[in-house]
N, C-alpha and C. Protein backbone atom coordinates (compact mmCIF):
# COMPACT_ATOMS: atom_id res chain seq x y z
N MET A 1 61.91 72.55 84.30
CA MET A 1 61.54 73.97 84.25
C MET A 1 60.64 74.29 85.44
N GLN A 2 60.90 75.46 86.08
CA GLN A 2 60.13 75.87 87.25
C GLN A 2 58.77 76.48 86.88
N TYR A 3 58.67 77.01 85.67
CA TYR A 3 57.47 77.78 85.32
C TYR A 3 56.84 77.26 84.02
N PRO A 4 56.19 76.09 84.06
CA PRO A 4 55.61 75.52 82.84
C PRO A 4 54.37 76.27 82.34
N LEU A 5 53.61 76.91 83.23
CA LEU A 5 52.37 77.57 82.82
C LEU A 5 52.62 78.74 81.86
N PRO A 6 53.56 79.65 82.16
CA PRO A 6 53.84 80.72 81.18
C PRO A 6 54.27 80.16 79.82
N LEU A 7 55.08 79.11 79.82
CA LEU A 7 55.50 78.50 78.56
C LEU A 7 54.30 77.97 77.79
N ALA A 8 53.38 77.31 78.50
CA ALA A 8 52.18 76.77 77.86
C ALA A 8 51.33 77.89 77.27
N LEU A 9 51.21 79.00 77.99
CA LEU A 9 50.42 80.15 77.49
C LEU A 9 51.04 80.73 76.22
N PHE A 10 52.37 80.80 76.20
CA PHE A 10 53.06 81.29 75.01
C PHE A 10 52.81 80.39 73.81
N VAL A 11 52.95 79.09 74.02
CA VAL A 11 52.73 78.13 72.93
C VAL A 11 51.28 78.19 72.45
N VAL A 12 50.34 78.26 73.38
CA VAL A 12 48.92 78.35 73.01
C VAL A 12 48.65 79.62 72.22
N GLY A 13 49.22 80.74 72.67
CA GLY A 13 49.03 82.01 71.95
C GLY A 13 49.54 81.94 70.52
N ILE A 14 50.74 81.38 70.34
CA ILE A 14 51.32 81.24 69.00
C ILE A 14 50.45 80.33 68.14
N CYS A 15 50.02 79.21 68.69
CA CYS A 15 49.21 78.25 67.92
C CYS A 15 47.87 78.86 67.52
N LEU A 16 47.23 79.56 68.43
CA LEU A 16 45.95 80.19 68.12
C LEU A 16 46.11 81.26 67.04
N PHE A 17 47.21 81.99 67.11
CA PHE A 17 47.46 83.02 66.09
C PHE A 17 47.64 82.38 64.72
N ILE A 18 48.38 81.29 64.65
CA ILE A 18 48.59 80.59 63.38
C ILE A 18 47.27 80.05 62.83
N VAL A 19 46.48 79.44 63.71
CA VAL A 19 45.18 78.91 63.29
C VAL A 19 44.27 80.04 62.83
N PHE A 20 44.28 81.16 63.57
CA PHE A 20 43.51 82.34 63.16
C PHE A 20 43.85 82.76 61.73
N TYR A 21 45.15 82.82 61.44
CA TYR A 21 45.57 83.29 60.13
C TYR A 21 45.08 82.36 59.02
N PHE A 22 45.25 81.06 59.20
CA PHE A 22 44.89 80.13 58.13
C PHE A 22 43.38 79.95 58.01
N VAL A 23 42.66 80.03 59.13
CA VAL A 23 41.20 79.98 59.07
C VAL A 23 40.67 81.22 58.34
N SER A 24 41.20 82.38 58.71
CA SER A 24 40.77 83.63 58.07
C SER A 24 41.12 83.63 56.59
N LYS A 25 42.28 83.10 56.27
CA LYS A 25 42.72 83.01 54.88
C LYS A 25 41.79 82.12 54.07
N ALA A 26 41.35 81.02 54.68
CA ALA A 26 40.43 80.11 53.99
C ALA A 26 39.08 80.77 53.74
N PHE A 27 38.56 81.49 54.72
CA PHE A 27 37.29 82.18 54.55
C PHE A 27 37.40 83.30 53.51
N TYR A 28 38.58 83.96 53.48
CA TYR A 28 38.80 85.01 52.48
C TYR A 28 38.74 84.41 51.08
N TYR A 29 39.40 83.31 50.89
CA TYR A 29 39.39 82.67 49.57
C TYR A 29 37.98 82.22 49.19
N ARG A 30 37.24 81.75 50.18
CA ARG A 30 35.87 81.30 49.93
C ARG A 30 34.98 82.46 49.45
N ARG A 31 35.20 83.65 49.99
CA ARG A 31 34.38 84.81 49.63
C ARG A 31 34.80 85.42 48.30
N PHE A 32 36.10 85.53 48.06
CA PHE A 32 36.58 86.30 46.91
C PHE A 32 37.29 85.46 45.85
N VAL A 33 37.48 84.17 46.11
CA VAL A 33 38.21 83.28 45.19
C VAL A 33 39.55 83.92 44.82
N THR A 34 40.18 84.46 45.82
CA THR A 34 41.49 85.11 45.66
C THR A 34 42.37 84.72 46.83
N ARG A 35 43.61 84.38 46.55
CA ARG A 35 44.52 84.01 47.62
C ARG A 35 44.91 85.23 48.43
N TYR A 36 44.84 85.08 49.74
CA TYR A 36 45.26 86.17 50.62
C TYR A 36 46.77 86.09 50.82
N ARG A 37 47.45 87.22 50.62
CA ARG A 37 48.90 87.30 50.83
C ARG A 37 49.18 88.43 51.80
N PHE A 38 49.82 88.12 52.92
CA PHE A 38 50.01 89.12 53.98
C PHE A 38 50.89 90.28 53.53
N TYR A 39 51.75 90.08 52.54
CA TYR A 39 52.63 91.14 52.08
C TYR A 39 51.96 92.03 51.03
N GLN A 40 50.72 91.69 50.65
CA GLN A 40 49.98 92.49 49.68
C GLN A 40 48.64 92.99 50.23
N MET A 41 48.21 92.47 51.35
CA MET A 41 46.87 92.76 51.85
C MET A 41 46.91 93.12 53.33
N PHE A 42 46.02 94.03 53.71
CA PHE A 42 45.96 94.52 55.08
C PHE A 42 45.16 93.56 55.96
N PRO A 43 45.42 93.59 57.27
CA PRO A 43 44.67 92.71 58.19
C PRO A 43 43.16 92.90 58.11
N TYR A 44 42.69 94.16 57.91
CA TYR A 44 41.25 94.41 57.90
C TYR A 44 40.53 93.67 56.76
N GLU A 45 41.29 93.29 55.73
CA GLU A 45 40.66 92.66 54.58
C GLU A 45 40.11 91.27 54.90
N PHE A 46 40.56 90.69 56.00
CA PHE A 46 39.95 89.44 56.46
C PHE A 46 38.48 89.65 56.81
N ASN A 47 38.13 90.86 57.23
CA ASN A 47 36.78 91.16 57.68
C ASN A 47 35.98 92.01 56.70
N TYR A 48 36.55 92.29 55.56
CA TYR A 48 35.87 93.13 54.57
C TYR A 48 34.76 92.33 53.87
N PRO A 49 33.55 92.89 53.69
CA PRO A 49 33.18 94.28 54.00
C PRO A 49 32.36 94.44 55.27
N ASN A 50 32.06 93.36 55.99
CA ASN A 50 31.10 93.45 57.09
C ASN A 50 31.71 93.34 58.47
N MET A 51 32.96 93.72 58.58
CA MET A 51 33.65 93.76 59.87
C MET A 51 33.61 92.42 60.60
N PHE A 52 33.27 92.42 61.88
CA PHE A 52 33.50 91.27 62.76
C PHE A 52 32.82 89.99 62.29
N LYS A 53 31.56 90.07 61.93
CA LYS A 53 30.82 88.84 61.62
C LYS A 53 31.25 88.20 60.32
N GLN A 54 31.98 88.95 59.48
CA GLN A 54 32.43 88.39 58.20
C GLN A 54 33.45 87.28 58.42
N ASN A 55 34.18 87.38 59.52
CA ASN A 55 35.22 86.38 59.83
C ASN A 55 35.12 86.03 61.31
N LEU A 56 33.95 85.61 61.73
CA LEU A 56 33.64 85.42 63.15
C LEU A 56 34.62 84.47 63.83
N TYR A 57 34.81 83.28 63.26
CA TYR A 57 35.66 82.28 63.90
C TYR A 57 37.12 82.73 63.96
N GLY A 58 37.57 83.33 62.88
CA GLY A 58 38.93 83.83 62.86
C GLY A 58 39.14 84.92 63.91
N ASN A 59 38.19 85.82 64.03
CA ASN A 59 38.31 86.90 65.01
C ASN A 59 38.30 86.38 66.44
N LEU A 60 37.46 85.39 66.71
CA LEU A 60 37.42 84.81 68.05
C LEU A 60 38.75 84.13 68.39
N LEU A 61 39.31 83.44 67.41
CA LEU A 61 40.62 82.81 67.62
C LEU A 61 41.69 83.86 67.90
N PHE A 62 41.61 84.97 67.17
CA PHE A 62 42.59 86.04 67.36
C PHE A 62 42.49 86.63 68.76
N ILE A 63 41.28 86.88 69.22
CA ILE A 63 41.08 87.44 70.55
C ILE A 63 41.60 86.49 71.63
N MET A 64 41.32 85.19 71.46
CA MET A 64 41.82 84.20 72.43
C MET A 64 43.35 84.15 72.42
N ALA A 65 43.94 84.29 71.23
CA ALA A 65 45.41 84.30 71.13
C ALA A 65 45.99 85.49 71.88
N CYS A 66 45.36 86.65 71.72
CA CYS A 66 45.83 87.87 72.41
C CYS A 66 45.70 87.72 73.92
N ILE A 67 44.59 87.15 74.37
CA ILE A 67 44.38 86.94 75.80
C ILE A 67 45.46 86.02 76.37
N SER A 68 45.84 85.00 75.61
CA SER A 68 46.89 84.08 76.05
C SER A 68 48.20 84.81 76.28
N ILE A 69 48.54 85.72 75.38
CA ILE A 69 49.79 86.48 75.51
C ILE A 69 49.71 87.46 76.67
N ILE A 70 48.57 88.11 76.84
CA ILE A 70 48.42 89.04 77.97
C ILE A 70 48.57 88.29 79.29
N VAL A 71 47.92 87.12 79.40
CA VAL A 71 48.02 86.32 80.62
C VAL A 71 49.45 85.83 80.81
N PHE A 72 50.14 85.53 79.70
CA PHE A 72 51.55 85.15 79.79
C PHE A 72 52.35 86.22 80.52
N TYR A 73 52.16 87.47 80.11
CA TYR A 73 52.89 88.56 80.77
C TYR A 73 52.46 88.71 82.23
N GLU A 74 51.19 88.46 82.50
CA GLU A 74 50.71 88.51 83.88
C GLU A 74 51.36 87.42 84.72
N MET A 75 51.62 86.27 84.10
CA MET A 75 52.22 85.13 84.82
C MET A 75 53.75 85.20 84.84
N ASN A 76 54.32 86.23 84.25
CA ASN A 76 55.77 86.38 84.24
C ASN A 76 56.31 86.36 85.68
N PRO A 77 57.15 85.38 86.00
CA PRO A 77 57.64 85.27 87.39
C PRO A 77 58.61 86.36 87.80
N TYR A 78 59.17 87.09 86.83
CA TYR A 78 60.16 88.11 87.13
C TYR A 78 59.47 89.46 87.29
N LYS A 79 58.81 89.62 88.44
CA LYS A 79 58.02 90.82 88.67
C LYS A 79 58.92 92.03 88.92
N SER A 80 58.62 93.09 88.18
CA SER A 80 59.34 94.35 88.33
C SER A 80 58.53 95.42 87.61
N LEU A 81 59.05 96.63 87.60
CA LEU A 81 58.37 97.70 86.86
C LEU A 81 58.24 97.32 85.39
N TYR A 82 59.27 96.66 84.85
CA TYR A 82 59.25 96.28 83.44
C TYR A 82 58.16 95.27 83.13
N SER A 83 57.93 94.32 84.04
CA SER A 83 56.89 93.32 83.80
C SER A 83 55.51 93.95 83.79
N TYR A 84 55.30 94.93 84.66
CA TYR A 84 53.99 95.61 84.68
C TYR A 84 53.81 96.49 83.43
N LEU A 85 54.90 97.07 82.96
CA LEU A 85 54.84 97.83 81.71
C LEU A 85 54.50 96.90 80.54
N SER A 86 55.05 95.70 80.56
CA SER A 86 54.78 94.73 79.51
C SER A 86 53.30 94.37 79.47
N ILE A 87 52.70 94.18 80.63
CA ILE A 87 51.27 93.86 80.69
C ILE A 87 50.45 95.01 80.10
N ALA A 88 50.79 96.25 80.51
CA ALA A 88 50.05 97.42 80.01
C ALA A 88 50.20 97.56 78.50
N LEU A 89 51.42 97.38 77.99
CA LEU A 89 51.65 97.49 76.55
C LEU A 89 50.93 96.39 75.79
N ALA A 90 50.92 95.18 76.35
CA ALA A 90 50.24 94.06 75.69
C ALA A 90 48.74 94.33 75.55
N ILE A 91 48.15 94.92 76.58
CA ILE A 91 46.72 95.26 76.53
C ILE A 91 46.46 96.33 75.49
N VAL A 92 47.30 97.37 75.48
CA VAL A 92 47.12 98.47 74.52
C VAL A 92 47.31 97.97 73.09
N ILE A 93 48.35 97.16 72.87
CA ILE A 93 48.61 96.63 71.53
C ILE A 93 47.45 95.76 71.05
N THR A 94 46.90 94.96 71.95
CA THR A 94 45.76 94.13 71.59
C THR A 94 44.59 94.99 71.10
N MET A 95 44.28 96.05 71.82
CA MET A 95 43.19 96.94 71.40
C MET A 95 43.48 97.57 70.04
N LEU A 96 44.73 97.97 69.82
CA LEU A 96 45.09 98.59 68.54
C LEU A 96 45.00 97.57 67.40
N MET A 97 45.43 96.33 67.66
CA MET A 97 45.36 95.30 66.62
C MET A 97 43.91 94.99 66.24
N VAL A 98 43.03 94.97 67.24
CA VAL A 98 41.62 94.72 66.95
C VAL A 98 41.06 95.83 66.07
N VAL A 99 41.45 97.07 66.33
CA VAL A 99 41.01 98.18 65.48
C VAL A 99 41.53 98.00 64.06
N LEU A 100 42.81 97.65 63.91
CA LEU A 100 43.38 97.45 62.57
C LEU A 100 42.72 96.29 61.85
N LEU A 101 42.25 95.32 62.61
CA LEU A 101 41.61 94.15 62.03
C LEU A 101 40.19 94.47 61.54
N LEU A 102 39.59 95.50 62.11
CA LEU A 102 38.18 95.79 61.82
C LEU A 102 37.95 97.05 61.01
N PHE A 103 38.87 98.03 61.07
CA PHE A 103 38.63 99.31 60.41
C PHE A 103 39.26 99.33 59.02
N PRO A 104 38.46 99.44 57.97
CA PRO A 104 38.99 99.49 56.61
C PRO A 104 39.67 100.83 56.31
N LEU A 105 40.33 100.89 55.16
CA LEU A 105 41.08 102.09 54.80
C LEU A 105 40.19 103.28 54.47
N LYS A 106 38.88 103.07 54.32
CA LYS A 106 38.02 104.23 54.06
C LYS A 106 38.00 105.15 55.28
N TYR A 107 38.32 104.60 56.46
CA TYR A 107 38.55 105.43 57.64
C TYR A 107 40.04 105.71 57.72
N LEU A 108 40.55 106.38 56.68
CA LEU A 108 41.99 106.49 56.48
C LEU A 108 42.69 107.17 57.65
N ARG A 109 42.14 108.27 58.13
CA ARG A 109 42.80 109.01 59.20
C ARG A 109 42.93 108.13 60.46
N THR A 110 41.81 107.47 60.83
CA THR A 110 41.84 106.59 62.00
C THR A 110 42.83 105.45 61.80
N HIS A 111 42.80 104.87 60.61
CA HIS A 111 43.68 103.74 60.31
C HIS A 111 45.14 104.16 60.38
N MET A 112 45.47 105.32 59.83
CA MET A 112 46.85 105.80 59.84
C MET A 112 47.35 106.02 61.25
N ILE A 113 46.53 106.66 62.08
CA ILE A 113 46.93 106.96 63.46
C ILE A 113 47.14 105.67 64.24
N VAL A 114 46.14 104.78 64.15
CA VAL A 114 46.21 103.52 64.90
C VAL A 114 47.39 102.67 64.42
N SER A 115 47.59 102.61 63.11
CA SER A 115 48.68 101.82 62.56
C SER A 115 50.03 102.35 63.03
N SER A 116 50.20 103.66 62.99
CA SER A 116 51.48 104.26 63.41
C SER A 116 51.75 104.01 64.89
N ILE A 117 50.72 104.22 65.72
CA ILE A 117 50.89 103.98 67.16
C ILE A 117 51.17 102.50 67.42
N GLY A 118 50.42 101.62 66.74
CA GLY A 118 50.58 100.19 66.95
C GLY A 118 51.98 99.71 66.61
N MET A 119 52.52 100.18 65.48
CA MET A 119 53.86 99.74 65.09
C MET A 119 54.91 100.25 66.07
N THR A 120 54.74 101.49 66.54
CA THR A 120 55.70 102.05 67.49
C THR A 120 55.70 101.28 68.81
N ILE A 121 54.50 101.01 69.33
CA ILE A 121 54.40 100.30 70.60
C ILE A 121 54.86 98.85 70.45
N SER A 122 54.62 98.26 69.27
CA SER A 122 55.09 96.90 69.03
C SER A 122 56.61 96.82 69.11
N ALA A 123 57.28 97.88 68.67
CA ALA A 123 58.74 97.93 68.78
C ALA A 123 59.17 98.14 70.23
N ALA A 124 58.30 98.82 71.01
CA ALA A 124 58.65 99.11 72.41
C ALA A 124 58.56 97.87 73.29
N LEU A 125 57.65 96.95 72.95
CA LEU A 125 57.45 95.76 73.79
C LEU A 125 58.72 94.91 73.93
N PRO A 126 59.40 94.55 72.83
CA PRO A 126 60.65 93.80 73.01
C PRO A 126 61.74 94.59 73.73
N VAL A 127 61.67 95.93 73.63
CA VAL A 127 62.65 96.75 74.37
C VAL A 127 62.43 96.59 75.88
N ILE A 128 61.15 96.60 76.28
CA ILE A 128 60.84 96.38 77.70
C ILE A 128 61.32 94.99 78.14
N ASN A 129 61.11 94.00 77.27
CA ASN A 129 61.58 92.65 77.59
C ASN A 129 63.10 92.59 77.71
N LEU A 130 63.77 93.41 76.90
CA LEU A 130 65.23 93.48 76.97
C LEU A 130 65.67 93.95 78.35
N PHE A 131 64.99 94.97 78.88
CA PHE A 131 65.35 95.48 80.21
C PHE A 131 65.02 94.47 81.31
N THR A 132 63.98 93.66 81.09
CA THR A 132 63.69 92.58 82.04
C THR A 132 64.85 91.61 82.09
N ALA A 133 65.36 91.24 80.90
CA ALA A 133 66.51 90.32 80.84
C ALA A 133 67.76 90.97 81.45
N LEU A 134 67.92 92.27 81.22
CA LEU A 134 69.08 92.97 81.77
C LEU A 134 69.04 92.96 83.30
N SER A 135 67.85 93.16 83.87
CA SER A 135 67.73 93.14 85.33
C SER A 135 68.06 91.74 85.89
N GLN A 136 67.70 90.69 85.13
CA GLN A 136 68.03 89.33 85.56
C GLN A 136 69.52 89.03 85.39
N LEU A 137 70.13 89.65 84.38
CA LEU A 137 71.57 89.46 84.16
C LEU A 137 72.37 89.99 85.35
N LYS A 138 71.91 91.09 85.92
CA LYS A 138 72.60 91.68 87.06
C LYS A 138 72.54 90.77 88.30
N LEU A 139 71.49 89.94 88.34
CA LEU A 139 71.32 89.05 89.49
C LEU A 139 71.93 87.67 89.27
N ALA A 140 72.22 87.37 88.00
CA ALA A 140 72.71 86.02 87.66
C ALA A 140 74.11 85.78 88.22
N ILE A 141 74.34 84.58 88.72
CA ILE A 141 75.65 84.19 89.24
C ILE A 141 76.25 83.09 88.37
N ASP A 142 75.40 82.10 88.05
CA ASP A 142 75.85 80.97 87.23
C ASP A 142 76.11 81.41 85.80
N GLY A 143 77.12 80.81 85.17
CA GLY A 143 77.48 81.16 83.81
C GLY A 143 76.39 80.87 82.80
N ILE A 144 75.67 79.76 83.00
CA ILE A 144 74.58 79.38 82.09
C ILE A 144 73.44 80.40 82.18
N ASP A 145 73.16 80.83 83.42
CA ASP A 145 72.10 81.83 83.61
C ASP A 145 72.46 83.14 82.92
N LYS A 146 73.71 83.53 83.01
CA LYS A 146 74.16 84.75 82.33
C LYS A 146 74.02 84.61 80.81
N ALA A 147 74.38 83.44 80.31
CA ALA A 147 74.28 83.20 78.87
C ALA A 147 72.82 83.28 78.40
N LEU A 148 71.90 82.72 79.19
CA LEU A 148 70.48 82.78 78.85
C LEU A 148 69.97 84.21 78.85
N CYS A 149 70.44 85.00 79.80
CA CYS A 149 70.05 86.42 79.85
C CYS A 149 70.54 87.17 78.61
N ILE A 150 71.76 86.87 78.20
CA ILE A 150 72.32 87.52 77.01
C ILE A 150 71.56 87.11 75.75
N ILE A 151 71.21 85.82 75.66
CA ILE A 151 70.41 85.34 74.53
C ILE A 151 69.06 86.04 74.50
N SER A 152 68.43 86.18 75.67
CA SER A 152 67.15 86.86 75.77
C SER A 152 67.26 88.30 75.31
N MET A 153 68.30 88.99 75.76
CA MET A 153 68.51 90.39 75.37
C MET A 153 68.74 90.50 73.86
N SER A 154 69.50 89.57 73.31
CA SER A 154 69.80 89.61 71.88
C SER A 154 68.53 89.41 71.05
N LEU A 155 67.67 88.47 71.47
CA LEU A 155 66.41 88.24 70.77
C LEU A 155 65.54 89.51 70.79
N SER A 156 65.45 90.11 71.96
CA SER A 156 64.63 91.32 72.09
C SER A 156 65.17 92.43 71.20
N LEU A 157 66.48 92.58 71.18
CA LEU A 157 67.09 93.64 70.37
C LEU A 157 66.84 93.42 68.89
N ILE A 158 66.98 92.19 68.43
CA ILE A 158 66.74 91.86 67.02
C ILE A 158 65.30 92.15 66.63
N LEU A 159 64.36 91.76 67.48
CA LEU A 159 62.94 91.98 67.19
C LEU A 159 62.60 93.47 67.15
N ALA A 160 63.13 94.22 68.11
CA ALA A 160 62.87 95.66 68.14
C ALA A 160 63.45 96.35 66.90
N LEU A 161 64.67 96.00 66.55
CA LEU A 161 65.32 96.62 65.39
C LEU A 161 64.61 96.26 64.09
N SER A 162 64.06 95.05 64.01
CA SER A 162 63.36 94.65 62.79
C SER A 162 62.14 95.53 62.55
N MET A 163 61.40 95.85 63.64
CA MET A 163 60.24 96.72 63.50
C MET A 163 60.65 98.14 63.18
N ILE A 164 61.70 98.62 63.82
CA ILE A 164 62.18 99.98 63.57
C ILE A 164 62.63 100.12 62.12
N ALA A 165 63.32 99.10 61.60
CA ALA A 165 63.77 99.14 60.21
C ALA A 165 62.60 99.24 59.25
N LEU A 166 61.52 98.51 59.52
CA LEU A 166 60.34 98.56 58.66
C LEU A 166 59.62 99.90 58.77
N ILE A 167 59.61 100.47 59.97
CA ILE A 167 58.97 101.79 60.17
C ILE A 167 59.71 102.86 59.37
N LEU A 168 61.04 102.75 59.32
CA LEU A 168 61.86 103.76 58.62
C LEU A 168 61.94 103.53 57.12
N ASN A 169 61.29 102.49 56.62
CA ASN A 169 61.30 102.20 55.19
C ASN A 169 60.67 103.35 54.41
N PRO A 170 61.40 103.99 53.49
CA PRO A 170 60.85 105.14 52.76
C PRO A 170 59.73 104.78 51.78
N LYS A 171 59.51 103.50 51.53
CA LYS A 171 58.48 103.08 50.58
C LYS A 171 57.11 102.91 51.23
N LEU A 172 56.99 103.24 52.50
CA LEU A 172 55.71 103.09 53.19
C LEU A 172 54.64 103.97 52.56
N SER A 173 53.44 103.42 52.38
CA SER A 173 52.32 104.18 51.85
C SER A 173 51.03 103.43 52.15
N PHE A 174 49.93 104.18 52.28
CA PHE A 174 48.63 103.56 52.52
C PHE A 174 47.89 103.28 51.22
N ASN A 175 48.46 103.62 50.09
CA ASN A 175 47.82 103.32 48.82
C ASN A 175 47.93 101.83 48.53
N ILE A 176 46.79 101.24 48.15
CA ILE A 176 46.79 99.80 47.84
C ILE A 176 47.14 99.58 46.37
N TYR A 177 46.57 100.38 45.50
CA TYR A 177 46.75 100.15 44.06
C TYR A 177 47.78 101.11 43.50
N TYR A 178 48.84 100.57 42.96
CA TYR A 178 49.90 101.37 42.36
C TYR A 178 50.00 101.15 40.85
N ASP A 179 50.05 99.89 40.49
CA ASP A 179 50.35 99.54 39.10
C ASP A 179 49.09 99.55 38.24
N THR A 180 49.17 100.21 37.09
CA THR A 180 48.05 100.25 36.16
C THR A 180 48.48 99.63 34.84
N THR A 181 47.72 98.65 34.39
CA THR A 181 47.99 98.00 33.11
C THR A 181 46.77 98.17 32.20
N VAL A 182 46.97 97.94 30.91
CA VAL A 182 45.90 98.06 29.93
C VAL A 182 45.68 96.69 29.30
N ASP A 183 44.40 96.23 29.33
CA ASP A 183 44.12 94.91 28.75
C ASP A 183 43.95 95.02 27.24
N GLU A 184 43.64 93.90 26.58
CA GLU A 184 43.56 93.86 25.12
C GLU A 184 42.42 94.71 24.57
N ASN A 185 41.45 95.06 25.42
CA ASN A 185 40.34 95.90 24.98
C ASN A 185 40.57 97.38 25.27
N GLY A 186 41.75 97.71 25.78
CA GLY A 186 42.07 99.10 26.06
C GLY A 186 41.58 99.59 27.41
N ASN A 187 41.10 98.67 28.26
CA ASN A 187 40.62 99.07 29.59
C ASN A 187 41.77 99.07 30.59
N GLU A 188 41.75 100.10 31.42
CA GLU A 188 42.79 100.19 32.45
C GLU A 188 42.45 99.26 33.62
N ILE A 189 43.45 98.53 34.08
CA ILE A 189 43.27 97.62 35.20
C ILE A 189 44.28 97.99 36.29
N LYS A 190 43.74 98.26 37.48
CA LYS A 190 44.61 98.56 38.61
C LYS A 190 45.03 97.26 39.29
N LYS A 191 46.31 97.16 39.54
CA LYS A 191 46.87 95.92 40.07
C LYS A 191 47.73 96.23 41.29
N ARG A 192 47.59 95.39 42.31
CA ARG A 192 48.42 95.58 43.49
C ARG A 192 49.89 95.33 43.14
N PRO A 193 50.77 96.10 43.76
CA PRO A 193 52.20 95.82 43.57
C PRO A 193 52.57 94.51 44.26
N ARG A 194 53.76 94.04 44.00
CA ARG A 194 54.19 92.76 44.58
C ARG A 194 54.21 92.81 46.09
N ILE A 195 54.62 93.97 46.65
CA ILE A 195 54.64 94.16 48.10
C ILE A 195 54.02 95.51 48.44
N ILE A 196 53.08 95.52 49.35
CA ILE A 196 52.56 96.76 49.93
C ILE A 196 53.18 96.87 51.32
N PHE A 197 54.12 97.77 51.48
CA PHE A 197 54.93 97.78 52.68
C PHE A 197 54.14 98.14 53.94
N MET A 198 53.10 98.96 53.81
CA MET A 198 52.30 99.28 54.99
C MET A 198 51.55 98.04 55.47
N ALA A 199 51.03 97.26 54.54
CA ALA A 199 50.36 96.01 54.91
C ALA A 199 51.35 95.05 55.57
N LEU A 200 52.53 94.95 54.98
CA LEU A 200 53.57 94.08 55.54
C LEU A 200 53.95 94.54 56.95
N ASN A 201 54.06 95.86 57.13
CA ASN A 201 54.41 96.40 58.45
C ASN A 201 53.34 96.09 59.49
N GLU A 202 52.08 96.23 59.10
CA GLU A 202 51.00 95.95 60.05
C GLU A 202 51.03 94.48 60.46
N TRP A 203 51.24 93.60 59.49
CA TRP A 203 51.31 92.18 59.82
C TRP A 203 52.54 91.87 60.65
N TRP A 204 53.64 92.53 60.38
CA TRP A 204 54.84 92.28 61.18
C TRP A 204 54.64 92.74 62.62
N SER A 205 53.91 93.85 62.83
CA SER A 205 53.63 94.30 64.19
C SER A 205 52.76 93.28 64.92
N PHE A 206 51.84 92.62 64.19
CA PHE A 206 51.04 91.55 64.78
C PHE A 206 51.95 90.39 65.19
N PHE A 207 52.79 89.96 64.25
CA PHE A 207 53.69 88.84 64.51
C PHE A 207 54.61 89.15 65.68
N LEU A 208 55.10 90.39 65.72
CA LEU A 208 56.02 90.81 66.77
C LEU A 208 55.38 90.69 68.15
N PHE A 209 54.11 91.03 68.22
CA PHE A 209 53.39 90.94 69.49
C PHE A 209 53.40 89.50 70.02
N PHE A 210 53.20 88.54 69.12
CA PHE A 210 53.11 87.14 69.55
C PHE A 210 54.46 86.48 69.75
N ILE A 211 55.49 86.96 69.07
CA ILE A 211 56.80 86.32 69.19
C ILE A 211 57.67 87.00 70.25
N SER A 212 57.35 88.23 70.62
CA SER A 212 58.17 88.96 71.60
C SER A 212 58.33 88.23 72.94
N PRO A 213 57.30 87.52 73.43
CA PRO A 213 57.48 86.80 74.71
C PRO A 213 58.58 85.75 74.67
N LEU A 214 59.08 85.42 73.49
CA LEU A 214 60.12 84.38 73.39
C LEU A 214 61.33 84.74 74.25
N SER A 215 61.66 86.03 74.33
CA SER A 215 62.81 86.43 75.13
C SER A 215 62.56 86.17 76.62
N ILE A 216 61.31 86.30 77.06
CA ILE A 216 60.97 85.98 78.45
C ILE A 216 60.97 84.46 78.65
N VAL A 217 60.52 83.73 77.62
CA VAL A 217 60.52 82.27 77.69
C VAL A 217 61.95 81.75 77.93
N VAL A 218 62.92 82.36 77.29
CA VAL A 218 64.31 81.96 77.49
C VAL A 218 64.69 82.11 78.96
N LEU A 219 64.22 83.18 79.59
CA LEU A 219 64.54 83.42 81.01
C LEU A 219 63.90 82.38 81.93
N LEU A 220 62.82 81.75 81.47
CA LEU A 220 62.14 80.75 82.30
C LEU A 220 63.03 79.53 82.56
N PHE A 221 64.07 79.37 81.76
CA PHE A 221 64.95 78.21 81.93
C PHE A 221 66.08 78.48 82.92
N ILE A 222 66.10 79.70 83.47
CA ILE A 222 67.13 80.02 84.48
C ILE A 222 66.86 79.22 85.76
């Protein structure tokens, strides 16, 4: 491989993100004696109620993971308008993710705006990567290189469509508590539904940010 450094940055970013999630999950359980489930809980709940310092190590790992991905795009050897757009989008998405990680739902208006923008831009990032692969396809001569470009484009398209499908889900809502049950003493108990789609969408936009460079990684083997 001609470009081992971008590959290393991608792997480091993915690993740091995974470690961030499990470290944050462990601290969450330690505080609330409740298992954290990404399909039922929002990213900000890792830091509830005291924002950044509540999950200091997890947040630092997350920031380092984001920096790794941003530098990955900076080190992208296929320089073009699309590569510079990718860098700009990666920086913007990172800022939006940090807001989602720190701002609870009591700031509902801010959370809704940031979440909506973040999910939309997360879908745009793989689209930009798709055009990067398309530009390389036009230059490719060898059959293997063309195949790698097509694989890269297909990955980007699948990732973009996955986010768009979740955005268009009619079950989206910012309400956390839906189900109400009555215990043996007649007290009402509010219970989270099995899936909170807005929480799932926010986490998927996070995951998409870290996995989207995979389509560029494929191009590194040209």
